[in-house]
Every structure is written in C-alpha cells, then in structure tokens.
PDB file of N, CA and C in Angstrom:
ATOM      1  N   MET A   1      35.480 -42.299  -7.784  1.00  0.00           N
ATOM      2  CA  MET A   1      34.144 -42.815  -8.146  1.00  0.00           C
ATOM      3  C   MET A   1      34.338 -43.258  -9.824  1.00  0.00           C
ATOM      4  N   PRO A   2      33.890 -44.217 -10.272  1.00  0.00           N
ATOM      5  CA  PRO A   2      33.891 -44.141 -11.461  1.00  0.00           C
ATOM      6  C   PRO A   2      32.958 -43.378 -12.579  1.00  0.00           C
ATOM      7  N   PHE A   3      31.931 -43.226 -11.761  1.00  0.00           N
ATOM      8  CA  PHE A   3      30.900 -42.392 -12.478  1.00  0.00           C
ATOM      9  C   PHE A   3      30.186 -41.094 -12.229  1.00  0.00           C
ATOM     10  N   GLU A   4      31.315 -40.822 -11.398  1.00  0.00           N
ATOM     11  CA  GLU A   4      31.583 -39.615 -11.116  1.00  0.00           C
ATOM     12  C   GLU A   4      31.201 -38.366 -12.023  1.00  0.00           C
ATOM     13  N   SER A   5      32.084 -38.641 -13.054  1.00  0.00           N
ATOM     14  CA  SER A   5      31.919 -37.530 -14.571  1.00  0.00           C
ATOM     15  C   SER A   5      30.431 -37.446 -15.077  1.00  0.00           C
ATOM     16  N   MET A   6      30.052 -38.774 -14.975  1.00  0.00           N
ATOM     17  CA  MET A   6      28.788 -38.896 -15.815  1.00  0.00           C
ATOM     18  C   MET A   6      27.486 -38.522 -15.041  1.00  0.00           C
ATOM     19  N   LEU A   7      27.389 -38.645 -13.488  1.00  0.00           N
ATOM     20  CA  LEU A   7      26.500 -38.302 -12.834  1.00  0.00           C
ATOM     21  C   LEU A   7      26.895 -36.633 -12.435  1.00  0.00           C
ATOM     22  N   ARG A   8      28.075 -35.888 -12.627  1.00  0.00           N
ATOM     23  CA  ARG A   8      27.824 -34.817 -12.782  1.00  0.00           C
ATOM     24  C   ARG A   8      27.612 -33.938 -13.698  1.00  0.00           C
ATOM     25  N   GLN A   9      27.891 -34.610 -14.786  1.00  0.00           N
ATOM     26  CA  GLN A   9      27.074 -33.969 -16.352  1.00  0.00           C
ATOM     27  C   GLN A   9      25.704 -34.078 -16.242  1.00  0.00           C
ATOM     28  N   ALA A  10      25.186 -35.289 -15.905  1.00  0.00           N
ATOM     29  CA  ALA A  10      23.783 -35.624 -15.703  1.00  0.00           C
ATOM     30  C   ALA A  10      23.122 -34.454 -14.796  1.00  0.00           C
ATOM     31  N   THR A  11      23.744 -34.242 -13.391  1.00  0.00           N
ATOM     32  CA  THR A  11      23.278 -33.161 -12.590  1.00  0.00           C
ATOM     33  C   THR A  11      22.967 -31.777 -13.417  1.00  0.00           C
ATOM     34  N   VAL A  12      23.904 -31.466 -14.099  1.00  0.00           N
ATOM     35  CA  VAL A  12      24.416 -30.057 -14.648  1.00  0.00           C
ATOM     36  C   VAL A  12      23.336 -29.769 -15.904  1.00  0.00           C
ATOM     37  N   LYS A  13      23.064 -31.041 -16.557  1.00  0.00           N
ATOM     38  CA  LYS A  13      22.028 -30.787 -17.653  1.00  0.00           C
ATOM     39  C   LYS A  13      20.897 -31.218 -17.328  1.00  0.00           C
ATOM     40  N   ALA A  14      20.248 -31.721 -15.750  1.00  0.00           N
ATOM     41  CA  ALA A  14      19.261 -31.966 -15.130  1.00  0.00           C
ATOM     42  C   ALA A  14      18.922 -30.422 -14.850  1.00  0.00           C
ATOM     43  N   ILE A  15      19.602 -29.713 -14.345  1.00  0.00           N
ATOM     44  CA  ILE A  15      19.049 -28.137 -13.525  1.00  0.00           C
ATOM     45  C   ILE A  15      19.155 -27.474 -14.677  1.00  0.00           C
ATOM     46  N   ASP A  16      19.771 -27.151 -15.884  1.00  0.00           N
ATOM     47  CA  ASP A  16      19.848 -26.425 -16.389  1.00  0.00           C
ATOM     48  C   ASP A  16      18.316 -26.555 -17.626  1.00  0.00           C
ATOM     49  N   THR A  17      17.973 -27.754 -17.529  1.00  0.00           N
ATOM     50  CA  THR A  17      16.578 -28.206 -18.303  1.00  0.00           C
ATOM     51  C   THR A  17      15.515 -27.498 -17.418  1.00  0.00           C
ATOM     52  N   ILE A  18      15.620 -27.852 -15.933  1.00  0.00           N
ATOM     53  CA  ILE A  18      14.439 -27.686 -15.020  1.00  0.00           C
ATOM     54  C   ILE A  18      14.527 -25.667 -15.235  1.00  0.00           C
ATOM     55  N   SER A  19      15.972 -25.229 -14.949  1.00  0.00           N
ATOM     56  CA  SER A  19      16.070 -23.440 -15.215  1.00  0.00           C
ATOM     57  C   SER A  19      15.026 -23.231 -16.559  1.00  0.00           C
ATOM     58  N   LYS A  20      15.408 -24.007 -17.601  1.00  0.00           N
ATOM     59  CA  LYS A  20      15.118 -23.347 -19.050  1.00  0.00           C
ATOM     60  C   LYS A  20      13.519 -23.505 -18.992  1.00  0.00           C
ATOM     61  N   LYS A  21      12.808 -24.606 -18.495  1.00  0.00           N
ATOM     62  CA  LYS A  21      11.228 -24.651 -18.455  1.00  0.00           C
ATOM     63  C   LYS A  21      10.880 -23.177 -17.441  1.00  0.00           C
ATOM     64  N   ALA A  22      11.761 -22.801 -16.319  1.00  0.00           N
ATOM     65  CA  ALA A  22      11.017 -22.068 -15.248  1.00  0.00           C
ATOM     66  C   ALA A  22      10.958 -20.834 -16.027  1.00  0.00           C
ATOM     67  N   ASN A  23      11.803 -20.353 -16.794  1.00  0.00           N
ATOM     68  CA  ASN A  23      12.149 -19.267 -17.497  1.00  0.00           C
ATOM     69  C   ASN A  23      11.123 -18.925 -18.823  1.00  0.00           C
ATOM     70  N   LYS A  24      10.816 -20.310 -19.246  1.00  0.00           N
ATOM     71  CA  LYS A  24       9.908 -20.082 -20.263  1.00  0.00           C
ATOM     72  C   LYS A  24       8.239 -19.928 -19.362  1.00  0.00           C
ATOM     73  N   ALA A  25       8.332 -20.111 -18.358  1.00  0.00           N
ATOM     74  CA  ALA A  25       6.992 -20.433 -17.451  1.00  0.00           C
ATOM     75  C   ALA A  25       6.965 -19.086 -16.486  1.00  0.00           C
ATOM     76  N   GLU A  26       7.852 -18.363 -16.938  1.00  0.00           N
ATOM     77  CA  GLU A  26       8.308 -17.068 -16.281  1.00  0.00           C
ATOM     78  C   GLU A  26       7.613 -17.149 -14.925  1.00  0.00           C
ATOM     79  N   VAL A  27       8.107 -18.288 -14.338  1.00  0.00           N
ATOM     80  CA  VAL A  27       7.922 -18.677 -12.728  1.00  0.00           C
ATOM     81  C   VAL A  27       9.341 -18.305 -11.971  1.00  0.00           C
ATOM     82  N   ALA A  28      10.742 -18.290 -12.499  1.00  0.00           N
ATOM     83  CA  ALA A  28      11.885 -17.811 -11.967  1.00  0.00           C
ATOM     84  C   ALA A  28      12.289 -16.679 -11.401  1.00  0.00           C
ATOM     85  N   ALA A  29      11.225 -15.754 -11.720  1.00  0.00           N
ATOM     86  CA  ALA A  29      11.272 -14.252 -11.013  1.00  0.00           C
ATOM     87  C   ALA A  29      11.016 -14.355  -9.762  1.00  0.00           C
ATOM     88  N   GLU A  30       9.927 -15.463  -9.309  1.00  0.00           N
ATOM     89  CA  GLU A  30       9.389 -15.607  -8.207  1.00  0.00           C
ATOM     90  C   GLU A  30      10.395 -16.158  -6.865  1.00  0.00           C
ATOM     91  N   GLY A  31      10.324 -15.694  -5.937  1.00  0.00           N
ATOM     92  CA  GLY A  31      11.039 -16.547  -4.258  1.00  0.00           C
ATOM     93  C   GLY A  31      12.373 -16.794  -4.682  1.00  0.00           C
ATOM     94  N   ALA A  32      12.856 -17.775  -3.672  1.00  0.00           N
ATOM     95  CA  ALA A  32      14.154 -18.285  -3.296  1.00  0.00           C
ATOM     96  C   ALA A  32      14.779 -19.084  -4.468  1.00  0.00           C
ATOM     97  N   ILE A  33      13.809 -19.815  -4.941  1.00  0.00           N
ATOM     98  CA  ILE A  33      13.989 -21.273  -6.317  1.00  0.00           C
ATOM     99  C   ILE A  33      14.369 -19.925  -7.657  1.00  0.00           C
ATOM    100  N   GLY A  34      13.482 -18.971  -7.593  1.00  0.00           N
ATOM    101  CA  GLY A  34      13.811 -18.204  -8.956  1.00  0.00           C
ATOM    102  C   GLY A  34      15.277 -17.764  -8.640  1.00  0.00           C
ATOM    103  N   LYS A  35      15.867 -17.171  -7.258  1.00  0.00           N
ATOM    104  CA  LYS A  35      16.955 -16.416  -7.118  1.00  0.00           C
ATOM    105  C   LYS A  35      17.902 -17.547  -7.649  1.00  0.00           C
ATOM    106  N   LEU A  36      18.048 -18.866  -7.206  1.00  0.00           N
ATOM    107  CA  LEU A  36      18.658 -20.047  -7.130  1.00  0.00           C
ATOM    108  C   LEU A  36      19.030 -20.043  -8.632  1.00  0.00           C
ATOM    109  N   LEU A  37      17.994 -20.289  -9.271  1.00  0.00           N
ATOM    110  CA  LEU A  37      18.166 -20.411 -11.186  1.00  0.00           C
ATOM    111  C   LEU A  37      18.543 -19.559 -11.529  1.00  0.00           C
ATOM    112  N   THR A  38      18.330 -18.041 -11.016  1.00  0.00           N
ATOM    113  CA  THR A  38      18.948 -17.213 -11.907  1.00  0.00           C
ATOM    114  C   THR A  38      20.538 -17.008 -11.993  1.00  0.00           C
ATOM    115  N   ARG A  39      21.165 -17.339 -10.675  1.00  0.00           N
ATOM    116  CA  ARG A  39      22.247 -17.332 -10.422  1.00  0.00           C
ATOM    117  C   ARG A  39      22.620 -18.648 -11.276  1.00  0.00           C
ATOM    118  N   TRP A  40      22.156 -19.820 -11.160  1.00  0.00           N
ATOM    119  CA  TRP A  40      22.777 -20.840 -12.201  1.00  0.00           C
ATOM    120  C   TRP A  40      23.195 -20.623 -13.421  1.00  0.00           C
ATOM    121  N   ASN A  41      21.783 -20.070 -13.896  1.00  0.00           N
ATOM    122  CA  ASN A  41      21.939 -19.421 -15.235  1.00  0.00           C
ATOM    123  C   ASN A  41      23.475 -18.478 -15.508  1.00  0.00           C
ATOM    124  N   GLU A  42      23.528 -17.866 -14.497  1.00  0.00           N
ATOM    125  CA  GLU A  42      24.920 -17.021 -14.724  1.00  0.00           C
ATOM    126  C   GLU A  42      26.238 -17.675 -14.734  1.00  0.00           C
ATOM    127  N   MET A  43      26.348 -18.746 -14.172  1.00  0.00           N
ATOM    128  CA  MET A  43      27.378 -19.545 -13.834  1.00  0.00           C
ATOM    129  C   MET A  43      28.020 -19.846 -15.275  1.00  0.00           C
ATOM    130  N   ASP A  44      29.536 -20.104 -15.412  1.00  0.00           N
ATOM    131  CA  ASP A  44      29.801 -21.152 -16.643  1.00  0.00           C
ATOM    132  C   ASP A  44      29.928 -22.571 -16.185  1.00  0.00           C
ATOM    133  N   ASP A  45      30.146 -23.053 -17.391  1.00  0.00           N
ATOM    134  CA  ASP A  45      30.019 -24.912 -17.059  1.00  0.00           C
ATOM    135  C   ASP A  45      30.823 -25.234 -16.139  1.00  0.00           C
ATOM    136  N   THR A  46      32.235 -24.440 -15.933  1.00  0.00           N
ATOM    137  CA  THR A  46      33.200 -24.854 -14.986  1.00  0.00           C
ATOM    138  C   THR A  46      32.434 -24.894 -13.505  1.00  0.00           C
ATOM    139  N   GLU A  47      32.101 -23.711 -13.283  1.00  0.00           N
ATOM    140  CA  GLU A  47      31.529 -23.621 -11.946  1.00  0.00           C
ATOM    141  C   GLU A  47      30.228 -24.582 -11.650  1.00  0.00           C
ATOM    142  N   LYS A  48      29.192 -24.374 -12.665  1.00  0.00           N
ATOM    143  CA  LYS A  48      28.437 -25.588 -12.734  1.00  0.00           C
ATOM    144  C   LYS A  48      28.852 -26.996 -12.067  1.00  0.00           C
ATOM    145  N   GLU A  49      29.907 -27.424 -13.191  1.00  0.00           N
ATOM    146  CA  GLU A  49      30.652 -28.604 -12.943  1.00  0.00           C
ATOM    147  C   GLU A  49      31.018 -28.950 -11.000  1.00  0.00           C
ATOM    148  N   GLU A  50      31.661 -27.555 -10.740  1.00  0.00           N
ATOM    149  CA  GLU A  50      32.042 -27.711  -9.326  1.00  0.00           C
ATOM    150  C   GLU A  50      30.643 -27.867  -8.341  1.00  0.00           C
ATOM    151  N   VAL A  51      30.107 -27.162  -8.273  1.00  0.00           N
ATOM    152  CA  VAL A  51      28.703 -27.285  -7.862  1.00  0.00           C
ATOM    153  C   VAL A  51      27.932 -28.635  -7.710  1.00  0.00           C
ATOM    154  N   ALA A  52      28.139 -28.927  -8.833  1.00  0.00           N
ATOM    155  CA  ALA A  52      27.632 -30.455  -8.841  1.00  0.00           C
ATOM    156  C   ALA A  52      28.574 -31.327  -8.121  1.00  0.00           C
ATOM    157  N   ALA A  53      29.492 -31.175  -8.357  1.00  0.00           N
ATOM    158  CA  ALA A  53      30.413 -32.475  -8.011  1.00  0.00           C
ATOM    159  C   ALA A  53      30.528 -32.240  -6.008  1.00  0.00           C
ATOM    160  N   ILE A  54      30.499 -31.010  -5.422  1.00  0.00           N
ATOM    161  CA  ILE A  54      30.167 -30.714  -4.321  1.00  0.00           C
ATOM    162  C   ILE A  54      28.604 -31.364  -3.861  1.00  0.00           C
ATOM    163  N   VAL A  55      27.650 -30.985  -4.882  1.00  0.00           N
ATOM    164  CA  VAL A  55      26.465 -31.875  -4.301  1.00  0.00           C
ATOM    165  C   VAL A  55      26.565 -33.677  -4.342  1.00  0.00           C
ATOM    166  N   ILE A  56      27.008 -34.064  -5.285  1.00  0.00           N
ATOM    167  CA  ILE A  56      27.412 -35.224  -5.374  1.00  0.00           C
ATOM    168  C   ILE A  56      28.322 -35.751  -3.920  1.00  0.00           C
ATOM    169  N   ALA A  57      29.329 -35.252  -3.845  1.00  0.00           N
ATOM    170  CA  ALA A  57      30.237 -35.934  -2.507  1.00  0.00           C
ATOM    171  C   ALA A  57      29.604 -35.677  -1.300  1.00  0.00           C
ATOM    172  N   THR A  58      28.344 -34.471  -1.013  1.00  0.00           N
ATOM    173  CA  THR A  58      27.530 -34.441   0.140  1.00  0.00           C
ATOM    174  C   THR A  58      26.506 -35.273   0.065  1.00  0.00           C
ATOM    175  N   ALA A  59      26.156 -35.825  -0.680  1.00  0.00           N
ATOM    176  CA  ALA A  59      24.981 -37.047  -1.123  1.00  0.00           C
ATOM    177  C   ALA A  59      25.766 -38.185  -0.794  1.00  0.00           C
ATOM    178  N   THR A  60      26.864 -38.515  -1.443  1.00  0.00           N
ATOM    179  CA  THR A  60      27.287 -39.768  -0.965  1.00  0.00           C
ATOM    180  C   THR A  60      28.041 -39.796   0.397  1.00  0.00           C
ATOM    181  N   THR A  61      28.060 -38.935   0.913  1.00  0.00           N
ATOM    182  CA  THR A  61      29.046 -38.842   2.489  1.00  0.00           C
ATOM    183  C   THR A  61      27.807 -39.189   3.253  1.00  0.00           C
ATOM    184  N   ALA A  62      26.360 -38.494   3.129  1.00  0.00           N
ATOM    185  CA  ALA A  62      24.872 -38.848   3.446  1.00  0.00           C
ATOM    186  C   ALA A  62      24.789 -40.113   3.438  1.00  0.00           C
ATOM    187  N   VAL A  63      24.982 -40.414   2.367  1.00  0.00           N
ATOM    188  CA  VAL A  63      24.262 -42.121   2.146  1.00  0.00           C
ATOM    189  C   VAL A  63      25.171 -43.069   2.809  1.00  0.00           C
ATOM    190  N   SER A  64      26.504 -42.930   3.041  1.00  0.00           N
ATOM    191  CA  SER A  64      27.441 -43.615   3.633  1.00  0.00           C
ATOM    192  C   SER A  64      27.469 -43.808   5.056  1.00  0.00           C
ATOM    193  N   ALA A  65      26.861 -42.463   5.509  1.00  0.00           N
ATOM    194  CA  ALA A  65      26.850 -42.235   7.119  1.00  0.00           C
ATOM    195  C   ALA A  65      25.569 -43.331   7.372  1.00  0.00           C
ATOM    196  N   ILE A  66      24.488 -43.100   6.823  1.00  0.00           N
ATOM    197  CA  ILE A  66      23.395 -44.117   7.168  1.00  0.00           C
ATOM    198  C   ILE A  66      23.453 -45.133   7.108  1.00  0.00           C
ATOM    199  N   ALA A  67      24.228 -45.765   5.731  1.00  0.00           N
ATOM    200  CA  ALA A  67      24.564 -47.032   6.133  1.00  0.00           C
ATOM    201  C   ALA A  67      25.321 -47.828   6.862  1.00  0.00           C
ATOM    202  N   ALA A  68      26.426 -46.913   7.442  1.00  0.00           N
ATOM    203  CA  ALA A  68      27.340 -47.131   8.562  1.00  0.00           C
ATOM    204  C   ALA A  68      26.397 -47.173   9.925  1.00  0.00           C
ATOM    205  N   ILE A  69      25.507 -46.542  10.407  1.00  0.00           N
ATOM    206  CA  ILE A  69      24.634 -46.126  11.127  1.00  0.00           C
ATOM    207  C   ILE A  69      23.623 -47.629  11.314  1.00  0.00           C
ATOM    208  N   LYS A  70      22.995 -47.926  10.126  1.00  0.00           N
ATOM    209  CA  LYS A  70      22.304 -48.912  10.262  1.00  0.00           C
ATOM    210  C   LYS A  70      23.061 -50.123  10.248  1.00  0.00           C
ATOM    211  N   LYS A  71      23.849 -50.193   9.938  1.00  0.00           N
ATOM    212  CA  LYS A  71      24.873 -51.615   9.972  1.00  0.00           C
ATOM    213  C   LYS A  71      25.474 -51.843  11.216  1.00  0.00           C
ATOM    214  N   ARG A  72      25.930 -50.969  11.867  1.00  0.00           N
ATOM    215  CA  ARG A  72      27.100 -51.144  13.033  1.00  0.00           C
ATOM    216  C   ARG A  72      26.326 -50.529  14.559  1.00  0.00           C
ATOM    217  N   GLY A  73      24.940 -49.696  14.357  1.00  0.00           N
ATOM    218  CA  GLY A  73      24.579 -48.884  15.611  1.00  0.00           C
ATOM    219  C   GLY A  73      25.290 -47.570  15.641  1.00  0.00           C
ATOM    220  N   VAL A  74      24.520 -46.956  16.458  1.00  0.00           N
ATOM    221  CA  VAL A  74      24.909 -45.453  16.321  1.00  0.00           C
ATOM    222  C   VAL A  74      26.141 -45.242  16.972  1.00  0.00           C
ATOM    223  N   LYS A  75      26.467 -45.928  18.248  1.00  0.00           N
ATOM    224  CA  LYS A  75      27.698 -45.635  19.016  1.00  0.00           C
ATOM    225  C   LYS A  75      28.886 -45.947  18.468  1.00  0.00           C
ATOM    226  N   ALA A  76      28.799 -47.118  17.695  1.00  0.00           N
ATOM    227  CA  ALA A  76      30.371 -48.177  17.349  1.00  0.00           C
ATOM    228  C   ALA A  76      30.740 -47.321  15.818  1.00  0.00           C
ATOM    229  N   SER A  77      29.847 -46.571  15.218  1.00  0.00           N
ATOM    230  CA  SER A  77      30.093 -45.875  14.038  1.00  0.00           C
ATOM    231  C   SER A  77      29.817 -44.492  13.887  1.00  0.00           C
ATOM    232  N   ALA A  78      30.040 -43.921  15.060  1.00  0.00           N
ATOM    233  CA  ALA A  78      29.909 -42.675  15.157  1.00  0.00           C
ATOM    234  C   ALA A  78      31.187 -41.831  14.568  1.00  0.00           C
ATOM    235  N   LYS A  79      32.447 -42.445  15.209  1.00  0.00           N
ATOM    236  CA  LYS A  79      33.608 -41.752  14.705  1.00  0.00           C
ATOM    237  C   LYS A  79      34.006 -42.282  13.421  1.00  0.00           C
ATOM    238  N   LYS A  80      33.724 -43.464  12.927  1.00  0.00           N
ATOM    239  CA  LYS A  80      33.926 -44.030  11.233  1.00  0.00           C
ATOM    240  C   LYS A  80      32.881 -43.104  10.582  1.00  0.00           C
ATOM    241  N   VAL A  81      31.727 -42.604  11.041  1.00  0.00           N
ATOM    242  CA  VAL A  81      31.188 -41.631  10.120  1.00  0.00           C
ATOM    243  C   VAL A  81      31.603 -40.167  10.016  1.00  0.00           C
ATOM    244  N   ALA A  82      32.352 -39.702  11.145  1.00  0.00           N
ATOM    245  CA  ALA A  82      32.649 -38.424  11.285  1.00  0.00           C
ATOM    246  C   ALA A  82      34.162 -38.813  10.038  1.00  0.00           C
ATOM    247  N   LYS A  83      35.188 -39.623  10.555  1.00  0.00           N
ATOM    248  CA  LYS A  83      36.244 -39.660   9.676  1.00  0.00           C
ATOM    249  C   LYS A  83      36.253 -39.699   8.382  1.00  0.00           C
ATOM    250  N   ALA A  84      34.892 -40.552   7.841  1.00  0.00           N
ATOM    251  CA  ALA A  84      34.706 -40.716   6.455  1.00  0.00           C
ATOM    252  C   ALA A  84      34.023 -39.483   5.785  1.00  0.00           C
ATOM    253  N   GLY A  85      33.205 -38.575   6.810  1.00  0.00           N
ATOM    254  CA  GLY A  85      32.509 -37.189   6.084  1.00  0.00           C
ATOM    255  C   GLY A  85      33.623 -36.221   5.983  1.00  0.00           C
ATOM    256  N   LEU A  86      34.947 -36.373   6.955  1.00  0.00           N
ATOM    257  CA  LEU A  86      35.906 -35.414   7.032  1.00  0.00           C
ATOM    258  C   LEU A  86      36.627 -35.634   5.721  1.00  0.00           C
ATOM    259  N   LYS A  87      36.874 -37.138   5.646  1.00  0.00           N
ATOM    260  CA  LYS A  87      37.543 -37.499   4.175  1.00  0.00           C
ATOM    261  C   LYS A  87      36.997 -36.939   3.212  1.00  0.00           C
ATOM    262  N   SER A  88      35.404 -37.447   2.777  1.00  0.00           N
ATOM    263  CA  SER A  88      35.072 -36.657   1.686  1.00  0.00           C
ATOM    264  C   SER A  88      35.110 -35.367   1.275  1.00  0.00           C
ATOM    265  N   VAL A  89      34.706 -34.859   2.410  1.00  0.00           N
ATOM    266  CA  VAL A  89      34.870 -32.997   2.233  1.00  0.00           C
ATOM    267  C   VAL A  89      35.946 -32.573   1.712  1.00  0.00           C
ATOM    268  N   ARG A  90      37.397 -32.876   2.201  1.00  0.00           N
ATOM    269  CA  ARG A  90      38.615 -32.591   1.725  1.00  0.00           C
ATOM    270  C   ARG A  90      38.944 -32.984   0.569  1.00  0.00           C
ATOM    271  N   LYS A  91      38.528 -34.217   0.226  1.00  0.00           N
ATOM    272  CA  LYS A  91      38.915 -34.652  -1.169  1.00  0.00           C
ATOM    273  C   LYS A  91      37.971 -33.805  -2.127  1.00  0.00           C
ATOM    274  N   ALA A  92      36.825 -33.312  -2.135  1.00  0.00           N
ATOM    275  CA  ALA A  92      36.302 -32.409  -2.964  1.00  0.00           C
ATOM    276  C   ALA A  92      37.015 -31.167  -2.936  1.00  0.00           C
ATOM    277  N   ALA A  93      37.110 -30.823  -1.746  1.00  0.00           N
ATOM    278  CA  ALA A  93      37.563 -29.130  -1.510  1.00  0.00           C
ATOM    279  C   ALA A  93      38.992 -29.443  -2.383  1.00  0.00           C
ATOM    280  N   ARG A  94      39.951 -30.188  -2.153  1.00  0.00           N
ATOM    281  CA  ARG A  94      40.925 -30.712  -2.969  1.00  0.00           C
ATOM    282  C   ARG A  94      40.817 -30.274  -4.515  1.00  0.00           C
ATOM    283  N   ARG A  95      39.986 -31.124  -4.864  1.00  0.00           N
ATOM    284  CA  ARG A  95      39.616 -31.120  -6.380  1.00  0.00           C
ATOM    285  C   ARG A  95      38.968 -30.244  -6.763  1.00  0.00           C
ATOM    286  N   ASN A  96      38.128 -29.170  -6.090  1.00  0.00           N
ATOM    287  CA  ASN A  96      38.019 -27.810  -6.323  1.00  0.00           C
ATOM    288  C   ASN A  96      38.867 -26.904  -6.295  1.00  0.00           C
ATOM    289  N   ALA A  97      39.948 -27.029  -5.793  1.00  0.00           N
ATOM    290  CA  ALA A  97      40.720 -25.882  -5.040  1.00  0.00           C
ATOM    291  C   ALA A  97      41.733 -25.766  -6.635  1.00  0.00           C
TER     292      ALA A  97
END
C-alpha cells in the first residue's frame, strides 16, 4: 500500500493530538479511554507506529471483506474473505515482528 506510511503517521499524530487535549482537560484520568490514552502516552514512536499499522491492516481487511460480500454474495465470497483476512494479518505480523 503506497500511502501506508502516510496513513500510519497521520494516525499516530491524530491520537497524540487527542491525548494531549484530553490531558489538558484532565479527562484522561477517568475510565477506559483514559487508561488507553495513558498507555498511548507511555509508548515510544516505534510502538505507536506498530499499533497504527495493525489498526490500518485490520480496517483494510474489514473494508475488503465488506466489498467482497457485496460484490459476490455471502456464499461465494466467504472463502475469499477468510483467505484475504489471513493473508493481511500474516503480512502485518511479519512486518511488525
């Protein structure tokens, strides 16, 4: 995916911005979102990029699966969706290993 690095950087920047704004508003200390943002702030840049890559791969797989189901019908595309999903997850795992 040629835009993957730009998408990954934009994802990291967006979450960093949300996290900073939440810290300023002192909302980050409450609930599950606060815990996630606290963990995000503790990560280094490499970890953040790995998380963003996994999120992007997962979203891409989901969109591809939905498109395949709509195009071919549920029965015809079930195997193709499963195969494409496994391929995408394996690729992301190899990249992050």
